[in-house]
């Protein structure tokens, strides 16, 4: 198979972790006789420096011609003083919108070798998937500033349509069918009208999946339950902002945010695959970034966009074997550099 991939390395540690992930991808594709071609593109802070905007049209055009996108991370203090529409993070929102990537899949798995790194006492292994709506809600609603009685005011608007809720709900239910057949829909229906519509639609949708155990949970309770007993969850489906916050919280239960991959998907096989962490400017260039989240994101790409299940499993098994052998980066209690742990993973393939 031929894989035509767009590489958006981004800022901070982005180039370091993407380079590590592509080495692993190249090794697997060589083993299974696939051909990979890469097109490097600018987005984020580096694009602002080069083109004056976080997401150049040339990047959008090239991404739309690719089979899928591997993304590193964007942003950093260098660009913090820019107005909102020019911030590096606007590149992420723009890519998701241009590609129609409405579903963000974030697995949250506690590896057996890292149970001691979990901040919870006597934690059991858990395997959760958070399905986050990605191109609606407050991040894409109307926003602005006005003058009010108390001076300058700012507003952000949360808007969801029935169709938007239904399509992300179906992703969650279909995903649950392949797992433990349990969906928890998270909202704030006791306060927000958008959440009340969300809950109504989810209730109607759940009737189409009688074999799936369905429940509602308020977002503040979900935040507590993730800490109290994460093993109760299988698939969590929620809105854009709630999913952003809850998945970052859940990542800490695995031992490090450097371990969590993600897939952003739409109606076609073209997806965008990235770690859930940021650009980590404090460790940029030190060679100590954990590339595992990006490497596992590549495994998700092989599975979701190209249906190469055997190849994806090869990467997942290699990562788990390395962790079981006690090969750890600094963020999970070890001393291996980015290069060293990548080499360990390559040796397993």
C-alpha atoms as a PDB file:
ATOM      1  CA  UNK A   1       0.000   0.000   0.000  1.00  0.00           C
ATOM      2  CA  UNK A   2       1.092   3.581  -0.676  1.00  0.00           C
ATOM      3  CA  UNK A   3       0.677   6.089   2.169  1.00  0.00           C
ATOM      4  CA  UNK A   4       0.812   9.764   1.187  1.00  0.00           C
ATOM      5  CA  UNK A   5       1.185  11.612   4.471  1.00  0.00           C
ATOM      6  CA  UNK A   6       1.312  15.269   5.455  1.00  0.00           C
ATOM      7  CA  UNK A   7       3.721  16.065   8.280  1.00  0.00           C
ATOM      8  CA  UNK A   8       2.901  19.112  10.366  1.00  0.00           C
ATOM      9  CA  UNK A   9       5.703  19.076  12.918  1.00  0.00           C
ATOM     10  CA  UNK A  10       4.768  22.406  14.471  1.00  0.00           C
ATOM     11  CA  UNK A  11       6.581  24.052  17.342  1.00  0.00           C
ATOM     12  CA  UNK A  12       8.515  23.182  20.493  1.00  0.00           C
ATOM     13  CA  UNK A  13       9.066  19.449  20.822  1.00  0.00           C
ATOM     14  CA  UNK A  14       6.808  18.818  17.805  1.00  0.00           C
ATOM     15  CA  UNK A  15       9.653  18.164  15.338  1.00  0.00           C
ATOM     16  CA  UNK A  16      11.433  15.859  17.813  1.00  0.00           C
ATOM     17  CA  UNK A  17       8.456  13.608  18.498  1.00  0.00           C
ATOM     18  CA  UNK A  18       7.251  13.536  14.885  1.00  0.00           C
ATOM     19  CA  UNK A  19      10.728  12.500  13.722  1.00  0.00           C
ATOM     20  CA  UNK A  20      10.691   9.669  16.276  1.00  0.00           C
ATOM     21  CA  UNK A  21       7.230   8.518  15.179  1.00  0.00           C
ATOM     22  CA  UNK A  22       8.107   8.503  11.476  1.00  0.00           C
ATOM     23  CA  UNK A  23      11.169   6.346  12.176  1.00  0.00           C
ATOM     24  CA  UNK A  24       8.880   3.768  13.777  1.00  0.00           C
ATOM     25  CA  UNK A  25       6.370   4.065  10.942  1.00  0.00           C
ATOM     26  CA  UNK A  26       9.113   3.641   8.351  1.00  0.00           C
ATOM     27  CA  UNK A  27      10.366   0.490  10.092  1.00  0.00           C
ATOM     28  CA  UNK A  28       6.914  -1.094  10.182  1.00  0.00           C
ATOM     29  CA  UNK A  29       6.130  -0.149   6.584  1.00  0.00           C
ATOM     30  CA  UNK A  30       9.457  -1.538   5.434  1.00  0.00           C
ATOM     31  CA  UNK A  31       8.692  -4.811   7.200  1.00  0.00           C
ATOM     32  CA  UNK A  32       5.242  -5.115   5.627  1.00  0.00           C
ATOM     33  CA  UNK A  33       6.224  -3.770   2.187  1.00  0.00           C
ATOM     34  CA  UNK A  34       4.292  -0.477   2.256  1.00  0.00           C
ATOM     35  CA  UNK A  35       5.601   2.710   0.666  1.00  0.00           C
ATOM     36  CA  UNK A  36       5.382   5.983   2.586  1.00  0.00           C
ATOM     37  CA  UNK A  37       5.869   9.478   1.187  1.00  0.00           C
ATOM     38  CA  UNK A  38       5.923  12.587   3.376  1.00  0.00           C
ATOM     39  CA  UNK A  39       5.143  16.232   2.659  1.00  0.00           C
ATOM     40  CA  UNK A  40       6.372  18.597   5.375  1.00  0.00           C
ATOM     41  CA  UNK A  41       4.062  21.557   5.988  1.00  0.00           C
ATOM     42  CA  UNK A  42       4.046  24.591   8.249  1.00  0.00           C
ATOM     43  CA  UNK A  43       1.338  25.374  10.801  1.00  0.00           C
ATOM     44  CA  UNK A  44       1.349  27.083  14.180  1.00  0.00           C
ATOM     45  CA  UNK A  45       4.034  29.425  15.447  1.00  0.00           C
ATOM     46  CA  UNK A  46       6.569  28.425  12.809  1.00  0.00           C
ATOM     47  CA  UNK A  47       4.025  29.353  10.125  1.00  0.00           C
ATOM     48  CA  UNK A  48       3.460  32.733  11.769  1.00  0.00           C
ATOM     49  CA  UNK A  49       7.202  33.385  11.654  1.00  0.00           C
ATOM     50  CA  UNK A  50       7.413  32.337   8.000  1.00  0.00           C
ATOM     51  CA  UNK A  51       4.089  33.517   6.546  1.00  0.00           C
ATOM     52  CA  UNK A  52       2.503  35.815   9.146  1.00  0.00           C
ATOM     53  CA  UNK A  53      -0.479  33.482   9.727  1.00  0.00           C
ATOM     54  CA  UNK A  54      -0.848  30.276  11.765  1.00  0.00           C
ATOM     55  CA  UNK A  55      -2.382  28.271   8.910  1.00  0.00           C
ATOM     56  CA  UNK A  56      -1.256  29.214   5.377  1.00  0.00           C
ATOM     57  CA  UNK A  57      -3.510  28.335   2.454  1.00  0.00           C
ATOM     58  CA  UNK A  58      -0.641  26.313   0.970  1.00  0.00           C
ATOM     59  CA  UNK A  59      -0.747  24.031   4.012  1.00  0.00           C
ATOM     60  CA  UNK A  60      -4.513  23.597   3.727  1.00  0.00           C
ATOM     61  CA  UNK A  61      -4.243  22.752   0.025  1.00  0.00           C
ATOM     62  CA  UNK A  62      -1.500  20.177   0.588  1.00  0.00           C
ATOM     63  CA  UNK A  63      -3.269  18.579   3.543  1.00  0.00           C
ATOM     64  CA  UNK A  64      -6.423  18.121   1.468  1.00  0.00           C
ATOM     65  CA  UNK A  65      -4.380  16.182  -1.091  1.00  0.00           C
ATOM     66  CA  UNK A  66      -2.867  13.847   1.523  1.00  0.00           C
ATOM     67  CA  UNK A  67      -4.171  10.516   2.785  1.00  0.00           C
ATOM     68  CA  UNK A  68      -3.745  11.570   6.423  1.00  0.00           C
ATOM     69  CA  UNK A  69      -1.898  14.028   8.658  1.00  0.00           C
ATOM     70  CA  UNK A  70       0.623  13.488  11.435  1.00  0.00           C
ATOM     71  CA  UNK A  71       0.757  16.518  13.723  1.00  0.00           C
ATOM     72  CA  UNK A  72       3.294  17.332  16.421  1.00  0.00           C
ATOM     73  CA  UNK A  73       2.315  20.278  18.610  1.00  0.00           C
ATOM     74  CA  UNK A  74       1.872  24.024  18.168  1.00  0.00           C
ATOM     75  CA  UNK A  75       2.272  27.116  20.296  1.00  0.00           C
ATOM     76  CA  UNK A  76       4.651  28.583  22.843  1.00  0.00           C
ATOM     77  CA  UNK A  77       5.304  31.723  24.871  1.00  0.00           C
ATOM     78  CA  UNK A  78       6.916  33.440  21.885  1.00  0.00           C
ATOM     79  CA  UNK A  79       3.456  33.958  20.355  1.00  0.00           C
ATOM     80  CA  UNK A  80       1.360  34.444  23.520  1.00  0.00           C
ATOM     81  CA  UNK A  81       0.937  38.180  23.013  1.00  0.00           C
ATOM     82  CA  UNK A  82      -0.666  37.842  19.569  1.00  0.00           C
ATOM     83  CA  UNK A  83      -4.413  38.524  19.115  1.00  0.00           C
ATOM     84  CA  UNK A  84      -6.693  35.475  19.239  1.00  0.00           C
ATOM     85  CA  UNK A  85      -7.112  35.023  15.478  1.00  0.00           C
ATOM     86  CA  UNK A  86      -3.336  34.901  15.009  1.00  0.00           C
ATOM     87  CA  UNK A  87      -2.469  32.559  17.865  1.00  0.00           C
ATOM     88  CA  UNK A  88      -0.735  29.297  16.838  1.00  0.00           C
ATOM     89  CA  UNK A  89      -3.646  27.281  18.244  1.00  0.00           C
ATOM     90  CA  UNK A  90      -5.891  28.682  15.520  1.00  0.00           C
ATOM     91  CA  UNK A  91      -4.023  26.357  13.162  1.00  0.00           C
ATOM     92  CA  UNK A  92      -5.448  23.340  14.983  1.00  0.00           C
ATOM     93  CA  UNK A  93      -8.997  24.651  14.813  1.00  0.00           C
ATOM     94  CA  UNK A  94      -8.537  25.539  11.159  1.00  0.00           C
ATOM     95  CA  UNK A  95      -7.165  22.125  10.186  1.00  0.00           C
ATOM     96  CA  UNK A  96     -10.008  20.351  11.980  1.00  0.00           C
ATOM     97  CA  UNK A  97     -12.599  22.542  10.271  1.00  0.00           C
ATOM     98  CA  UNK A  98     -11.049  22.334   6.788  1.00  0.00           C
ATOM     99  CA  UNK A  99     -10.792  18.544   7.003  1.00  0.00           C
ATOM    100  CA  UNK A 100     -14.241  18.117   8.564  1.00  0.00           C
ATOM    101  CA  UNK A 101     -12.769  16.245  11.531  1.00  0.00           C
ATOM    102  CA  UNK A 102     -15.692  16.219  13.944  1.00  0.00           C
ATOM    103  CA  UNK A 103     -14.722  13.209  16.099  1.00  0.00           C
ATOM    104  CA  UNK A 104     -11.689  13.140  18.361  1.00  0.00           C
ATOM    105  CA  UNK A 105     -10.849   9.681  19.708  1.00  0.00           C
ATOM    106  CA  UNK A 106      -8.641   9.697  22.798  1.00  0.00           C
ATOM    107  CA  UNK A 107      -7.739   6.316  24.342  1.00  0.00           C
ATOM    108  CA  UNK A 108      -6.776   6.486  28.024  1.00  0.00           C
ATOM    109  CA  UNK A 109      -5.037   3.265  29.010  1.00  0.00           C
ATOM    110  CA  UNK A 110      -3.059   2.449  32.135  1.00  0.00           C
ATOM    111  CA  UNK A 111      -0.283   0.078  31.124  1.00  0.00           C
ATOM    112  CA  UNK A 112       0.417  -2.652  33.663  1.00  0.00           C
ATOM    113  CA  UNK A 113       4.089  -1.667  33.838  1.00  0.00           C
ATOM    114  CA  UNK A 114       3.102   1.864  34.892  1.00  0.00           C
ATOM    115  CA  UNK A 115       0.541   1.144  37.595  1.00  0.00           C
ATOM    116  CA  UNK A 116       2.903   2.525  40.228  1.00  0.00           C
ATOM    117  CA  UNK A 117       3.036   5.806  38.298  1.00  0.00           C
ATOM    118  CA  UNK A 118      -0.725   6.253  38.590  1.00  0.00           C
ATOM    119  CA  UNK A 119      -1.447   8.867  41.296  1.00  0.00           C
ATOM    120  CA  UNK A 120      -4.374   6.790  42.592  1.00  0.00           C
ATOM    121  CA  UNK A 121      -3.708   4.356  45.434  1.00  0.00           C
ATOM    122  CA  UNK A 122      -4.183   0.680  44.504  1.00  0.00           C
ATOM    123  CA  UNK A 123      -5.189   1.585  40.953  1.00  0.00           C
ATOM    124  CA  UNK A 124      -6.376  -1.228  38.729  1.00  0.00           C
ATOM    125  CA  UNK A 125      -5.657  -1.286  35.021  1.00  0.00           C
ATOM    126  CA  UNK A 126      -8.235   0.616  33.004  1.00  0.00           C
ATOM    127  CA  UNK A 127      -8.912   1.201  29.315  1.00  0.00           C
ATOM    128  CA  UNK A 128     -11.154   4.181  28.535  1.00  0.00           C
ATOM    129  CA  UNK A 129     -11.930   5.918  25.261  1.00  0.00           C
ATOM    130  CA  UNK A 130     -13.024   9.549  25.307  1.00  0.00           C
ATOM    131  CA  UNK A 131     -14.976  10.553  22.180  1.00  0.00           C
ATOM    132  CA  UNK A 132     -14.853  14.334  21.962  1.00  0.00           C
ATOM    133  CA  UNK A 133     -16.900  16.440  19.522  1.00  0.00           C
ATOM    134  CA  UNK A 134     -14.275  18.499  17.724  1.00  0.00           C
ATOM    135  CA  UNK A 135     -15.638  21.221  15.416  1.00  0.00           C
ATOM    136  CA  UNK A 136     -18.626  22.615  17.316  1.00  0.00           C
ATOM    137  CA  UNK A 137     -19.387  24.084  20.692  1.00  0.00           C
ATOM    138  CA  UNK A 138     -17.760  27.048  22.373  1.00  0.00           C
ATOM    139  CA  UNK A 139     -14.461  26.785  20.482  1.00  0.00           C
ATOM    140  CA  UNK A 140     -16.274  27.471  17.205  1.00  0.00           C
ATOM    141  CA  UNK A 141     -19.184  29.601  18.395  1.00  0.00           C
ATOM    142  CA  UNK A 142     -19.538  33.356  18.164  1.00  0.00           C
ATOM    143  CA  UNK A 143     -17.153  35.288  20.393  1.00  0.00           C
ATOM    144  CA  UNK A 144     -16.097  38.855  20.870  1.00  0.00           C
ATOM    145  CA  UNK A 145     -15.862  41.868  23.147  1.00  0.00           C
ATOM    146  CA  UNK A 146     -18.320  44.643  23.879  1.00  0.00           C
ATOM    147  CA  UNK A 147     -18.676  47.567  26.252  1.00  0.00           C
ATOM    148  CA  UNK A 148     -21.043  47.084  29.160  1.00  0.00           C
ATOM    149  CA  UNK A 149     -21.962  48.802  32.396  1.00  0.00           C
ATOM    150  CA  UNK A 150     -18.925  47.290  34.091  1.00  0.00           C
ATOM    151  CA  UNK A 151     -16.526  48.203  31.294  1.00  0.00           C
ATOM    152  CA  UNK A 152     -15.200  45.888  28.628  1.00  0.00           C
ATOM    153  CA  UNK A 153     -16.962  42.515  28.398  1.00  0.00           C
ATOM    154  CA  UNK A 154     -16.021  39.334  26.568  1.00  0.00           C
ATOM    155  CA  UNK A 155     -18.291  36.511  25.423  1.00  0.00           C
ATOM    156  CA  UNK A 156     -18.001  33.010  23.950  1.00  0.00           C
ATOM    157  CA  UNK A 157     -21.032  31.099  22.692  1.00  0.00           C
ATOM    158  CA  UNK A 158     -21.796  27.381  22.966  1.00  0.00           C
ATOM    159  CA  UNK A 159     -23.966  26.167  20.088  1.00  0.00           C
ATOM    160  CA  UNK A 160     -24.822  22.605  19.052  1.00  0.00           C
ATOM    161  CA  UNK A 161     -27.293  21.334  16.475  1.00  0.00           C
ATOM    162  CA  UNK A 162     -29.172  18.030  16.548  1.00  0.00           C
ATOM    163  CA  UNK A 163     -27.129  16.774  13.596  1.00  0.00           C
ATOM    164  CA  UNK A 164     -23.819  17.608  15.268  1.00  0.00           C
ATOM    165  CA  UNK A 165     -24.830  15.761  18.427  1.00  0.00           C
ATOM    166  CA  UNK A 166     -26.203  12.762  16.543  1.00  0.00           C
ATOM    167  CA  UNK A 167     -23.088  12.200  14.465  1.00  0.00           C
ATOM    168  CA  UNK A 168     -20.681  12.286  17.417  1.00  0.00           C
ATOM    169  CA  UNK A 169     -23.093  10.117  19.401  1.00  0.00           C
ATOM    170  CA  UNK A 170     -23.119   7.479  16.674  1.00  0.00           C
ATOM    171  CA  UNK A 171     -19.317   7.386  16.710  1.00  0.00           C
ATOM    172  CA  UNK A 172     -19.396   6.659  20.445  1.00  0.00           C
ATOM    173  CA  UNK A 173     -22.084   3.958  20.218  1.00  0.00           C
ATOM    174  CA  UNK A 174     -20.395   2.250  17.266  1.00  0.00           C
ATOM    175  CA  UNK A 175     -17.104   2.315  19.132  1.00  0.00           C
ATOM    176  CA  UNK A 176     -18.733   0.840  22.241  1.00  0.00           C
ATOM    177  CA  UNK A 177     -20.107  -2.071  20.170  1.00  0.00           C
ATOM    178  CA  UNK A 178     -16.508  -3.219  19.632  1.00  0.00           C
ATOM    179  CA  UNK A 179     -15.582  -2.836  23.310  1.00  0.00           C
ATOM    180  CA  UNK A 180     -17.461  -3.364  26.578  1.00  0.00           C
ATOM    181  CA  UNK A 181     -20.794  -2.015  25.260  1.00  0.00           C
ATOM    182  CA  UNK A 182     -21.061   0.899  27.660  1.00  0.00           C
ATOM    183  CA  UNK A 183     -21.471   4.615  26.849  1.00  0.00           C
ATOM    184  CA  UNK A 184     -21.440   7.499  29.316  1.00  0.00           C
ATOM    185  CA  UNK A 185     -22.613  10.819  27.878  1.00  0.00           C
ATOM    186  CA  UNK A 186     -21.222  13.815  29.768  1.00  0.00           C
ATOM    187  CA  UNK A 187     -22.942  17.214  29.809  1.00  0.00           C
ATOM    188  CA  UNK A 188     -24.048  20.061  32.099  1.00  0.00           C
ATOM    189  CA  UNK A 189     -27.788  19.693  31.521  1.00  0.00           C
ATOM    190  CA  UNK A 190     -28.693  21.102  34.941  1.00  0.00           C
ATOM    191  CA  UNK A 191     -27.429  24.531  33.826  1.00  0.00           C
ATOM    192  CA  UNK A 192     -26.797  24.773  30.066  1.00  0.00           C
ATOM    193  CA  UNK A 193     -29.480  24.736  27.367  1.00  0.00           C
ATOM    194  CA  UNK A 194     -26.991  23.324  24.851  1.00  0.00           C
ATOM    195  CA  UNK A 195     -26.440  20.417  27.228  1.00  0.00           C
ATOM    196  CA  UNK A 196     -30.168  19.842  27.610  1.00  0.00           C
ATOM    197  CA  UNK A 197     -30.457  19.436  23.842  1.00  0.00           C
ATOM    198  CA  UNK A 198     -27.354  17.222  23.918  1.00  0.00           C
ATOM    199  CA  UNK A 199     -29.004  14.955  26.496  1.00  0.00           C
ATOM    200  CA  UNK A 200     -32.325  14.789  24.625  1.00  0.00           C
ATOM    201  CA  UNK A 201     -30.608  13.749  21.397  1.00  0.00           C
ATOM    202  CA  UNK A 202     -28.408  11.192  23.156  1.00  0.00           C
ATOM    203  CA  UNK A 203     -31.440   9.633  24.830  1.00  0.00           C
ATOM    204  CA  UNK A 204     -33.186   9.242  21.470  1.00  0.00           C
ATOM    205  CA  UNK A 205     -30.046   7.843  19.908  1.00  0.00           C
ATOM    206  CA  UNK A 206     -29.490   5.332  22.715  1.00  0.00           C
ATOM    207  CA  UNK A 207     -32.791   3.641  21.810  1.00  0.00           C
ATOM    208  CA  UNK A 208     -31.207   2.636  18.483  1.00  0.00           C
ATOM    209  CA  UNK A 209     -28.559   0.718  20.415  1.00  0.00           C
ATOM    210  CA  UNK A 210     -30.489  -1.443  22.903  1.00  0.00           C
ATOM    211  CA  UNK A 211     -27.451  -3.667  23.522  1.00  0.00           C
ATOM    212  CA  UNK A 212     -25.368  -0.731  24.760  1.00  0.00           C
ATOM    213  CA  UNK A 213     -25.553   0.246  28.439  1.00  0.00           C
ATOM    214  CA  UNK A 214     -26.174   3.999  28.393  1.00  0.00           C
ATOM    215  CA  UNK A 215     -26.003   6.633  31.140  1.00  0.00           C
ATOM    216  CA  UNK A 216     -25.781  10.404  31.570  1.00  0.00           C
ATOM    217  CA  UNK A 217     -23.309  12.129  33.848  1.00  0.00           C
ATOM    218  CA  UNK A 218     -22.791  15.786  34.698  1.00  0.00           C
ATOM    219  CA  UNK A 219     -19.330  17.011  33.790  1.00  0.00           C
ATOM    220  CA  UNK A 220     -18.346  17.998  37.341  1.00  0.00           C
ATOM    221  CA  UNK A 221     -19.349  14.553  38.594  1.00  0.00           C
ATOM    222  CA  UNK A 222     -17.427  12.918  35.762  1.00  0.00           C
ATOM    223  CA  UNK A 223     -14.315  14.854  36.754  1.00  0.00           C
ATOM    224  CA  UNK A 224     -14.693  13.442  40.276  1.00  0.00           C
ATOM    225  CA  UNK A 225     -15.508   9.912  39.138  1.00  0.00           C
ATOM    226  CA  UNK A 226     -12.407   9.743  36.945  1.00  0.00           C
ATOM    227  CA  UNK A 227     -10.372  10.273  40.089  1.00  0.00           C
ATOM    228  CA  UNK A 228     -12.519   8.141  42.376  1.00  0.00           C
ATOM    229  CA  UNK A 229     -12.964   5.051  40.193  1.00  0.00           C
ATOM    230  CA  UNK A 230     -11.878   5.317  36.522  1.00  0.00           C
ATOM    231  CA  UNK A 231     -12.461   1.574  35.990  1.00  0.00           C
ATOM    232  CA  UNK A 232     -16.237   2.258  35.796  1.00  0.00           C
ATOM    233  CA  UNK A 233     -15.900   3.899  32.364  1.00  0.00           C
ATOM    234  CA  UNK A 234     -15.679   2.373  28.904  1.00  0.00           C
ATOM    235  CA  UNK A 235     -16.623   5.002  26.270  1.00  0.00           C
ATOM    236  CA  UNK A 236     -17.195   8.613  27.323  1.00  0.00           C
ATOM    237  CA  UNK A 237     -18.792  10.947  24.765  1.00  0.00           C
ATOM    238  CA  UNK A 238     -18.925  14.677  25.341  1.00  0.00           C
ATOM    239  CA  UNK A 239     -18.698  18.157  23.863  1.00  0.00           C
ATOM    240  CA  UNK A 240     -15.636  19.939  22.555  1.00  0.00           C
ATOM    241  CA  UNK A 241     -14.657  21.901  25.650  1.00  0.00           C
ATOM    242  CA  UNK A 242     -15.616  19.231  28.205  1.00  0.00           C
ATOM    243  CA  UNK A 243     -13.725  16.611  26.210  1.00  0.00           C
ATOM    244  CA  UNK A 244     -10.646  18.799  26.060  1.00  0.00           C
ATOM    245  CA  UNK A 245     -10.586  19.199  29.839  1.00  0.00           C
ATOM    246  CA  UNK A 246     -11.588  15.665  30.855  1.00  0.00           C
ATOM    247  CA  UNK A 247      -9.097  13.938  28.557  1.00  0.00           C
ATOM    248  CA  UNK A 248      -6.237  16.006  29.974  1.00  0.00           C
ATOM    249  CA  UNK A 249      -7.373  15.116  33.478  1.00  0.00           C
ATOM    250  CA  UNK A 250      -7.614  11.435  32.564  1.00  0.00           C
ATOM    251  CA  UNK A 251      -4.146  11.485  31.026  1.00  0.00           C
ATOM    252  CA  UNK A 252      -2.598  12.035  34.437  1.00  0.00           C
ATOM    253  CA  UNK A 253      -4.054   8.742  35.632  1.00  0.00           C
ATOM    254  CA  UNK A 254      -1.865   6.905  33.112  1.00  0.00           C
ATOM    255  CA  UNK A 255       1.339   8.285  34.585  1.00  0.00           C
ATOM    256  CA  UNK A 256       2.070  10.974  32.000  1.00  0.00           C
ATOM    257  CA  UNK A 257       0.345  13.066  29.355  1.00  0.00           C
ATOM    258  CA  UNK A 258       3.254  11.978  27.143  1.00  0.00           C
ATOM    259  CA  UNK A 259       1.628   8.572  26.673  1.00  0.00           C
ATOM    260  CA  UNK A 260      -1.753   9.493  25.196  1.00  0.00           C
ATOM    261  CA  UNK A 261      -2.387   9.449  21.440  1.00  0.00           C
ATOM    262  CA  UNK A 262      -5.413  10.758  19.578  1.00  0.00           C
ATOM    263  CA  UNK A 263      -7.179  10.487  16.252  1.00  0.00           C
ATOM    264  CA  UNK A 264      -9.337  13.190  14.692  1.00  0.00           C
ATOM    265  CA  UNK A 265     -11.752  11.736  12.151  1.00  0.00           C
ATOM    266  CA  UNK A 266     -14.497  12.792   9.765  1.00  0.00           C
ATOM    267  CA  UNK A 267     -16.537  11.222   6.979  1.00  0.00           C
ATOM    268  CA  UNK A 268     -13.533  10.072   4.916  1.00  0.00           C
ATOM    269  CA  UNK A 269     -10.505   7.898   5.701  1.00  0.00           C
ATOM    270  CA  UNK A 270      -8.345  11.023   5.972  1.00  0.00           C
ATOM    271  CA  UNK A 271      -7.637  11.751   9.613  1.00  0.00           C
ATOM    272  CA  UNK A 272      -5.275  13.828  11.718  1.00  0.00           C
ATOM    273  CA  UNK A 273      -3.188  11.999  14.298  1.00  0.00           C
ATOM    274  CA  UNK A 274      -1.425  13.721  17.162  1.00  0.00           C
ATOM    275  CA  UNK A 275      -0.439  13.399  20.828  1.00  0.00           C
ATOM    276  CA  UNK A 276      -2.804  15.153  23.190  1.00  0.00           C
ATOM    277  CA  UNK A 277       0.005  17.104  24.857  1.00  0.00           C
ATOM    278  CA  UNK A 278       1.338  20.506  23.881  1.00  0.00           C
ATOM    279  CA  UNK A 279       4.622  21.857  22.572  1.00  0.00           C
ATOM    280  CA  UNK A 280       6.410  21.708  25.970  1.00  0.00           C
ATOM    281  CA  UNK A 281       8.677  24.731  25.429  1.00  0.00           C
ATOM    282  CA  UNK A 282      10.457  24.064  28.736  1.00  0.00           C
ATOM    283  CA  UNK A 283      12.064  20.879  27.390  1.00  0.00           C
ATOM    284  CA  UNK A 284      12.377  21.794  23.719  1.00  0.00           C
ATOM    285  CA  UNK A 285      15.753  20.840  22.286  1.00  0.00           C
ATOM    286  CA  UNK A 286      16.838  18.844  25.339  1.00  0.00           C
ATOM    287  CA  UNK A 287      16.175  15.497  23.693  1.00  0.00           C
ATOM    288  CA  UNK A 288      14.098  14.205  26.598  1.00  0.00           C
ATOM    289  CA  UNK A 289      10.548  14.486  25.206  1.00  0.00           C
ATOM    290  CA  UNK A 290       8.487  11.310  25.413  1.00  0.00           C
ATOM    291  CA  UNK A 291       7.590  10.280  21.824  1.00  0.00           C
ATOM    292  CA  UNK A 292       5.281   7.416  22.813  1.00  0.00           C
ATOM    293  CA  UNK A 293       2.026   9.374  22.433  1.00  0.00           C
ATOM    294  CA  UNK A 294       2.995  10.325  18.875  1.00  0.00           C
ATOM    295  CA  UNK A 295       4.174   6.805  18.074  1.00  0.00           C
ATOM    296  CA  UNK A 296       0.854   5.389  19.312  1.00  0.00           C
ATOM    297  CA  UNK A 297      -0.949   8.041  17.260  1.00  0.00           C
ATOM    298  CA  UNK A 298       0.776   6.619  14.180  1.00  0.00           C
ATOM    299  CA  UNK A 299      -0.517   3.172  15.186  1.00  0.00           C
ATOM    300  CA  UNK A 300      -4.037   4.623  15.348  1.00  0.00           C
ATOM    301  CA  UNK A 301      -3.532   6.058  11.869  1.00  0.00           C
ATOM    302  CA  UNK A 302      -2.558   2.676  10.449  1.00  0.00           C
ATOM    303  CA  UNK A 303      -5.662   1.137  11.997  1.00  0.00           C
ATOM    304  CA  UNK A 304      -8.284   3.819  11.410  1.00  0.00           C
ATOM    305  CA  UNK A 305      -7.285   5.399   8.094  1.00  0.00           C
ATOM    306  CA  UNK A 306      -5.630   2.457   6.339  1.00  0.00           C
ATOM    307  CA  UNK A 307      -7.185  -0.616   8.027  1.00  0.00           C
ATOM    308  CA  UNK A 308      -3.677  -2.027   8.593  1.00  0.00           C
ATOM    309  CA  UNK A 309      -4.546  -3.725  11.870  1.00  0.00           C
ATOM    310  CA  UNK A 310      -1.547  -6.061  11.982  1.00  0.00           C
ATOM    311  CA  UNK A 311       0.880  -3.194  11.445  1.00  0.00           C
ATOM    312  CA  UNK A 312      -0.840  -1.069  14.095  1.00  0.00           C
ATOM    313  CA  UNK A 313      -0.679  -3.932  16.587  1.00  0.00           C
ATOM    314  CA  UNK A 314       3.027  -4.344  15.850  1.00  0.00           C
ATOM    315  CA  UNK A 315       3.662  -0.790  17.067  1.00  0.00           C
ATOM    316  CA  UNK A 316       1.382  -1.118  20.099  1.00  0.00           C
ATOM    317  CA  UNK A 317       3.037  -4.374  21.143  1.00  0.00           C
ATOM    318  CA  UNK A 318       6.498  -2.873  20.696  1.00  0.00           C
ATOM    319  CA  UNK A 319       5.628   0.087  22.946  1.00  0.00           C
ATOM    320  CA  UNK A 320       4.147  -2.164  25.627  1.00  0.00           C
ATOM    321  CA  UNK A 321       7.160  -4.492  25.516  1.00  0.00           C
ATOM    322  CA  UNK A 322       9.559  -1.578  25.965  1.00  0.00           C
ATOM    323  CA  UNK A 323       7.589  -0.287  28.959  1.00  0.00           C
ATOM    324  CA  UNK A 324       7.407  -3.788  30.469  1.00  0.00           C
ATOM    325  CA  UNK A 325      11.192  -3.995  30.130  1.00  0.00           C
ATOM    326  CA  UNK A 326      11.514  -0.905  32.318  1.00  0.00           C
ATOM    327  CA  UNK A 327      12.627   1.384  29.487  1.00  0.00           C
ATOM    328  CA  UNK A 328      11.229   4.738  30.560  1.00  0.00           C
ATOM    329  CA  UNK A 329      11.650   8.419  29.773  1.00  0.00           C
ATOM    330  CA  UNK A 330      12.010  11.061  32.468  1.00  0.00           C
ATOM    331  CA  UNK A 331       8.308  11.916  32.648  1.00  0.00           C
ATOM    332  CA  UNK A 332       7.499   8.335  33.725  1.00  0.00           C
ATOM    333  CA  UNK A 333      10.361   7.878  36.157  1.00  0.00           C
ATOM    334  CA  UNK A 334      13.154   6.807  33.806  1.00  0.00           C
ATOM    335  CA  UNK A 335      16.257   8.265  32.229  1.00  0.00           C
ATOM    336  CA  UNK A 336      16.023   7.405  28.530  1.00  0.00           C
ATOM    337  CA  UNK A 337      16.214  10.183  25.961  1.00  0.00           C
ATOM    338  CA  UNK A 338      13.828  10.611  23.051  1.00  0.00           C
ATOM    339  CA  UNK A 339      16.336   8.943  20.744  1.00  0.00           C
ATOM    340  CA  UNK A 340      17.074   6.075  23.123  1.00  0.00           C
ATOM    341  CA  UNK A 341      13.477   5.030  23.753  1.00  0.00           C
ATOM    342  CA  UNK A 342      12.742   5.295  20.024  1.00  0.00           C
ATOM    343  CA  UNK A 343      15.642   2.929  19.349  1.00  0.00           C
ATOM    344  CA  UNK A 344      14.261   0.506  21.959  1.00  0.00           C
ATOM    345  CA  UNK A 345      10.901   0.490  20.203  1.00  0.00           C
ATOM    346  CA  UNK A 346      12.537   0.012  16.812  1.00  0.00           C
ATOM    347  CA  UNK A 347      14.423  -3.016  18.175  1.00  0.00           C
ATOM    348  CA  UNK A 348      11.106  -4.661  19.102  1.00  0.00           C
ATOM    349  CA  UNK A 349       9.733  -4.403  15.552  1.00  0.00           C
END
